[in-house]
Amino acid sequence: MPCVTRHKPRLTSAIIRAANNSECQYVMSSLKKIQSMMVEQFDLKLEDLSPEAQLEGLGLDSLSVIEFMFNLEDELKIKLSDERVELKTIQDVANIVDKLIAEQHITPS
């Protein structure tokens, strides 16, 4: 049975083809990892980090967000695109990270 990827705006999981092309592998959303890293890096409370939470409302300026994205890149072993994207919420960050994981066929740790 072939792998199928369905894109829904608020869902951040993806199905990707495994290396042997005969199995499908389910990649979970990076949201929990992002929330955990934000708690550590910015000393925020987990209960304040809903997917809809505005980054600016959490006290994160653009430089903080860029630094965080580089930390995510290192932690998750992904390569960020040079394309500029607007990140307003935690869900926006998760969507971008999940997209990169799926495109780069990476299994998050």
N, C-alpha and C. Protein backbone atom coordinates (compact mmCIF):
# COMPACT_ATOMS: atom_id res chain seq x y z
N MET A 1 0.86 -1.18 0.00
CA MET A 1 0.00 0.00 0.00
C MET A 1 0.90 1.24 0.00
N PRO A 2 0.65 2.19 -0.88
CA PRO A 2 1.50 3.38 -0.95
C PRO A 2 1.26 4.30 0.23
N CYS A 3 2.29 5.08 0.55
CA CYS A 3 2.16 6.09 1.61
C CYS A 3 1.36 7.26 1.07
N VAL A 4 0.54 7.82 1.91
CA VAL A 4 -0.26 8.98 1.52
C VAL A 4 -0.01 10.08 2.53
N THR A 5 0.21 11.28 2.05
CA THR A 5 0.36 12.42 2.93
C THR A 5 -0.84 13.33 2.71
N ARG A 6 -1.50 13.66 3.77
CA ARG A 6 -2.61 14.59 3.68
C ARG A 6 -2.22 15.84 4.42
N HIS A 7 -2.40 16.97 3.78
CA HIS A 7 -2.04 18.24 4.39
C HIS A 7 -3.30 18.91 4.92
N LYS A 8 -3.33 19.16 6.21
CA LYS A 8 -4.42 19.89 6.83
C LYS A 8 -3.78 21.03 7.58
N PRO A 9 -4.33 22.23 7.50
CA PRO A 9 -3.68 23.41 8.06
C PRO A 9 -3.27 23.30 9.52
N ARG A 10 -4.06 22.68 10.37
CA ARG A 10 -3.74 22.69 11.80
C ARG A 10 -3.07 21.40 12.26
N LEU A 11 -2.97 20.41 11.39
CA LEU A 11 -2.30 19.17 11.78
C LEU A 11 -0.82 19.27 11.47
N THR A 12 0.00 18.80 12.39
CA THR A 12 1.44 18.93 12.18
C THR A 12 2.12 17.57 12.16
N SER A 13 1.41 16.55 11.74
CA SER A 13 2.06 15.27 11.58
C SER A 13 2.12 14.95 10.10
N ALA A 14 3.00 14.08 9.73
CA ALA A 14 3.13 13.72 8.33
C ALA A 14 3.46 12.25 8.22
N ILE A 15 3.09 11.67 7.11
CA ILE A 15 3.48 10.30 6.83
C ILE A 15 4.55 10.38 5.75
N ILE A 16 5.66 9.76 6.01
CA ILE A 16 6.74 9.81 5.03
C ILE A 16 7.15 8.40 4.64
N ARG A 17 7.70 8.27 3.47
CA ARG A 17 8.17 6.98 3.00
C ARG A 17 9.47 6.62 3.71
N ALA A 18 9.53 5.43 4.23
CA ALA A 18 10.73 4.96 4.91
C ALA A 18 11.83 4.70 3.89
N ALA A 19 13.04 4.55 4.36
CA ALA A 19 14.20 4.41 3.49
C ALA A 19 14.08 3.22 2.54
N ASN A 20 13.45 2.16 2.95
CA ASN A 20 13.37 0.98 2.09
C ASN A 20 12.22 1.05 1.09
N ASN A 21 11.46 2.12 1.09
CA ASN A 21 10.35 2.37 0.16
C ASN A 21 9.23 1.34 0.23
N SER A 22 9.24 0.46 1.21
CA SER A 22 8.16 -0.51 1.30
C SER A 22 7.32 -0.34 2.56
N GLU A 23 7.74 0.57 3.42
CA GLU A 23 7.01 0.80 4.66
C GLU A 23 6.71 2.29 4.77
N CYS A 24 5.73 2.60 5.57
CA CYS A 24 5.45 3.98 5.90
C CYS A 24 5.88 4.21 7.33
N GLN A 25 6.34 5.40 7.60
CA GLN A 25 6.77 5.74 8.96
C GLN A 25 5.99 6.98 9.36
N TYR A 26 5.45 6.97 10.55
CA TYR A 26 4.66 8.08 11.05
C TYR A 26 5.55 8.99 11.88
N VAL A 27 5.60 10.25 11.52
CA VAL A 27 6.42 11.21 12.24
C VAL A 27 5.51 12.08 13.09
N MET A 28 5.72 12.05 14.38
CA MET A 28 4.89 12.83 15.29
C MET A 28 5.21 14.31 15.18
N SER A 29 4.30 15.10 15.64
CA SER A 29 4.49 16.54 15.66
C SER A 29 5.67 16.90 16.55
N SER A 30 6.36 17.92 16.15
CA SER A 30 7.49 18.42 16.94
C SER A 30 7.02 19.36 18.05
N LEU A 31 5.73 19.58 18.16
CA LEU A 31 5.19 20.56 19.11
C LEU A 31 5.68 20.33 20.54
N LYS A 32 5.63 19.10 21.02
CA LYS A 32 6.04 18.83 22.41
C LYS A 32 7.52 19.15 22.62
N LYS A 33 8.35 18.80 21.65
CA LYS A 33 9.78 19.09 21.74
C LYS A 33 10.01 20.60 21.75
N ILE A 34 9.30 21.32 20.90
CA ILE A 34 9.42 22.78 20.84
C ILE A 34 9.01 23.40 22.16
N GLN A 35 7.90 22.95 22.70
CA GLN A 35 7.45 23.47 24.00
C GLN A 35 8.47 23.20 25.09
N SER A 36 9.00 22.00 25.11
CA SER A 36 10.01 21.63 26.11
C SER A 36 11.26 22.51 25.99
N MET A 37 11.71 22.73 24.77
CA MET A 37 12.89 23.55 24.56
C MET A 37 12.63 25.01 24.94
N MET A 38 11.42 25.49 24.71
CA MET A 38 11.08 26.86 25.07
C MET A 38 11.08 27.04 26.59
N VAL A 39 10.59 26.03 27.29
CA VAL A 39 10.61 26.08 28.76
C VAL A 39 12.05 26.22 29.24
N GLU A 40 12.95 25.42 28.67
CA GLU A 40 14.35 25.45 29.07
C GLU A 40 15.06 26.73 28.65
N GLN A 41 14.90 27.09 27.39
CA GLN A 41 15.66 28.23 26.85
C GLN A 41 15.18 29.58 27.35
N PHE A 42 13.87 29.73 27.53
CA PHE A 42 13.33 31.04 27.86
C PHE A 42 12.74 31.11 29.27
N ASP A 43 12.84 30.01 30.02
CA ASP A 43 12.31 29.98 31.38
C ASP A 43 10.81 30.31 31.40
N LEU A 44 10.08 29.70 30.46
CA LEU A 44 8.64 29.90 30.37
C LEU A 44 7.92 28.74 31.04
N LYS A 45 6.64 28.93 31.35
CA LYS A 45 5.84 27.87 31.95
C LYS A 45 5.15 27.09 30.84
N LEU A 46 5.19 25.77 30.94
CA LEU A 46 4.60 24.90 29.92
C LEU A 46 3.13 25.23 29.68
N GLU A 47 2.40 25.55 30.74
CA GLU A 47 0.97 25.83 30.59
C GLU A 47 0.70 27.10 29.77
N ASP A 48 1.71 27.94 29.60
CA ASP A 48 1.56 29.15 28.78
C ASP A 48 1.87 28.90 27.30
N LEU A 49 2.32 27.69 26.99
CA LEU A 49 2.81 27.40 25.65
C LEU A 49 1.82 26.59 24.81
N SER A 50 0.61 27.09 24.70
CA SER A 50 -0.38 26.43 23.84
C SER A 50 0.04 26.65 22.38
N PRO A 51 -0.44 25.81 21.48
CA PRO A 51 -0.08 26.00 20.08
C PRO A 51 -0.43 27.39 19.54
N GLU A 52 -1.48 27.98 20.06
CA GLU A 52 -1.93 29.29 19.58
C GLU A 52 -1.20 30.46 20.24
N ALA A 53 -0.35 30.17 21.21
CA ALA A 53 0.35 31.24 21.94
C ALA A 53 1.20 32.08 20.98
N GLN A 54 1.03 33.39 21.07
CA GLN A 54 1.79 34.32 20.24
C GLN A 54 3.21 34.44 20.77
N LEU A 55 4.19 34.30 19.90
CA LEU A 55 5.59 34.39 20.32
C LEU A 55 5.89 35.75 20.95
N GLU A 56 5.39 36.80 20.34
CA GLU A 56 5.61 38.15 20.87
C GLU A 56 4.97 38.29 22.25
N GLY A 57 3.79 37.69 22.42
CA GLY A 57 3.09 37.74 23.70
C GLY A 57 3.84 37.00 24.81
N LEU A 58 4.71 36.08 24.41
CA LEU A 58 5.53 35.35 25.38
C LEU A 58 6.82 36.09 25.70
N GLY A 59 6.98 37.27 25.09
CA GLY A 59 8.17 38.08 25.34
C GLY A 59 9.34 37.75 24.42
N LEU A 60 9.07 37.05 23.32
CA LEU A 60 10.14 36.67 22.40
C LEU A 60 10.20 37.67 21.24
N ASP A 61 11.33 38.34 21.12
CA ASP A 61 11.51 39.24 19.99
C ASP A 61 12.06 38.45 18.81
N SER A 62 12.23 39.11 17.67
CA SER A 62 12.66 38.41 16.46
C SER A 62 14.03 37.76 16.62
N LEU A 63 14.94 38.41 17.33
CA LEU A 63 16.27 37.84 17.54
C LEU A 63 16.18 36.56 18.39
N SER A 64 15.34 36.57 19.40
CA SER A 64 15.14 35.38 20.24
C SER A 64 14.58 34.22 19.42
N VAL A 65 13.64 34.54 18.54
CA VAL A 65 13.03 33.50 17.70
C VAL A 65 14.07 32.92 16.74
N ILE A 66 14.88 33.76 16.14
CA ILE A 66 15.93 33.29 15.23
C ILE A 66 16.91 32.38 15.98
N GLU A 67 17.33 32.81 17.14
CA GLU A 67 18.24 32.01 17.96
C GLU A 67 17.60 30.66 18.30
N PHE A 68 16.32 30.69 18.65
CA PHE A 68 15.60 29.46 18.98
C PHE A 68 15.53 28.52 17.78
N MET A 69 15.28 29.08 16.61
CA MET A 69 15.21 28.26 15.40
C MET A 69 16.56 27.58 15.12
N PHE A 70 17.65 28.29 15.35
CA PHE A 70 18.98 27.68 15.17
C PHE A 70 19.20 26.56 16.18
N ASN A 71 18.70 26.75 17.41
CA ASN A 71 18.80 25.69 18.42
C ASN A 71 17.98 24.47 18.01
N LEU A 72 16.80 24.71 17.44
CA LEU A 72 15.97 23.61 16.94
C LEU A 72 16.70 22.87 15.82
N GLU A 73 17.32 23.64 14.95
CA GLU A 73 18.07 23.05 13.83
C GLU A 73 19.15 22.10 14.37
N ASP A 74 19.88 22.55 15.37
CA ASP A 74 20.93 21.71 15.97
C ASP A 74 20.35 20.50 16.69
N GLU A 75 19.33 20.72 17.48
CA GLU A 75 18.73 19.66 18.29
C GLU A 75 18.07 18.59 17.44
N LEU A 76 17.34 19.00 16.41
CA LEU A 76 16.57 18.05 15.60
C LEU A 76 17.30 17.61 14.35
N LYS A 77 18.50 18.13 14.15
CA LYS A 77 19.32 17.75 12.99
C LYS A 77 18.60 18.03 11.66
N ILE A 78 18.00 19.22 11.59
CA ILE A 78 17.34 19.65 10.36
C ILE A 78 18.11 20.81 9.77
N LYS A 79 17.87 21.08 8.52
CA LYS A 79 18.48 22.21 7.83
C LYS A 79 17.40 23.23 7.53
N LEU A 80 17.51 24.40 8.15
CA LEU A 80 16.54 25.45 7.91
C LEU A 80 16.70 26.00 6.50
N SER A 81 15.60 26.39 5.94
CA SER A 81 15.59 26.98 4.61
C SER A 81 16.05 28.44 4.70
N ASP A 82 16.60 28.93 3.62
CA ASP A 82 16.96 30.35 3.55
C ASP A 82 15.73 31.22 3.30
N GLU A 83 14.64 30.57 2.95
CA GLU A 83 13.38 31.28 2.69
C GLU A 83 12.86 31.90 3.99
N ARG A 84 12.48 33.14 3.92
CA ARG A 84 11.96 33.83 5.10
C ARG A 84 10.49 33.47 5.29
N VAL A 85 10.15 33.05 6.50
CA VAL A 85 8.76 32.72 6.82
C VAL A 85 8.34 33.51 8.05
N GLU A 86 7.07 33.80 8.11
CA GLU A 86 6.54 34.55 9.25
C GLU A 86 6.11 33.57 10.33
N LEU A 87 6.69 33.73 11.50
CA LEU A 87 6.37 32.88 12.64
C LEU A 87 5.74 33.74 13.72
N LYS A 88 4.44 33.54 13.93
CA LYS A 88 3.73 34.32 14.94
C LYS A 88 3.36 33.49 16.17
N THR A 89 3.11 32.21 15.96
CA THR A 89 2.67 31.35 17.07
C THR A 89 3.58 30.14 17.21
N ILE A 90 3.43 29.44 18.31
CA ILE A 90 4.18 28.20 18.52
C ILE A 90 3.79 27.18 17.46
N GLN A 91 2.51 27.17 17.08
CA GLN A 91 2.06 26.25 16.03
C GLN A 91 2.75 26.55 14.70
N ASP A 92 2.98 27.82 14.40
CA ASP A 92 3.71 28.18 13.18
C ASP A 92 5.11 27.55 13.18
N VAL A 93 5.77 27.60 14.32
CA VAL A 93 7.10 27.01 14.45
C VAL A 93 7.01 25.50 14.24
N ALA A 94 6.04 24.85 14.88
CA ALA A 94 5.87 23.40 14.73
C ALA A 94 5.56 23.01 13.29
N ASN A 95 4.75 23.80 12.62
CA ASN A 95 4.41 23.50 11.23
C ASN A 95 5.64 23.52 10.34
N ILE A 96 6.48 24.54 10.52
CA ILE A 96 7.70 24.66 9.72
C ILE A 96 8.65 23.51 10.02
N VAL A 97 8.85 23.21 11.30
CA VAL A 97 9.76 22.15 11.70
C VAL A 97 9.26 20.80 11.17
N ASP A 98 7.97 20.52 11.31
CA ASP A 98 7.42 19.25 10.83
C ASP A 98 7.55 19.13 9.31
N LYS A 99 7.37 20.22 8.62
CA LYS A 99 7.53 20.23 7.17
C LYS A 99 8.97 19.89 6.79
N LEU A 100 9.92 20.50 7.48
CA LEU A 100 11.33 20.24 7.21
C LEU A 100 11.71 18.80 7.53
N ILE A 101 11.19 18.28 8.63
CA ILE A 101 11.46 16.89 9.00
C ILE A 101 10.94 15.95 7.92
N ALA A 102 9.73 16.19 7.45
CA ALA A 102 9.15 15.35 6.41
C ALA A 102 9.93 15.46 5.10
N GLU A 103 10.28 16.67 4.72
CA GLU A 103 11.02 16.89 3.47
C GLU A 103 12.41 16.27 3.53
N GLN A 104 13.02 16.33 4.69
CA GLN A 104 14.39 15.85 4.84
C GLN A 104 14.44 14.40 5.33
N HIS A 105 13.26 13.79 5.49
CA HIS A 105 13.15 12.39 5.90
C HIS A 105 13.95 12.09 7.16
N ILE A 106 13.70 12.90 8.16
CA ILE A 106 14.42 12.78 9.43
C ILE A 106 13.46 12.24 10.48
N THR A 107 13.95 11.32 11.30
CA THR A 107 13.18 10.82 12.42
C THR A 107 13.59 11.63 13.65
N PRO A 108 12.65 12.43 14.24
CA PRO A 108 13.02 13.26 15.39
C PRO A 108 13.41 12.41 16.59
N SER A 109 14.33 12.96 17.39
CA SER A 109 14.79 12.24 18.57
C SER A 109 13.88 12.48 19.75
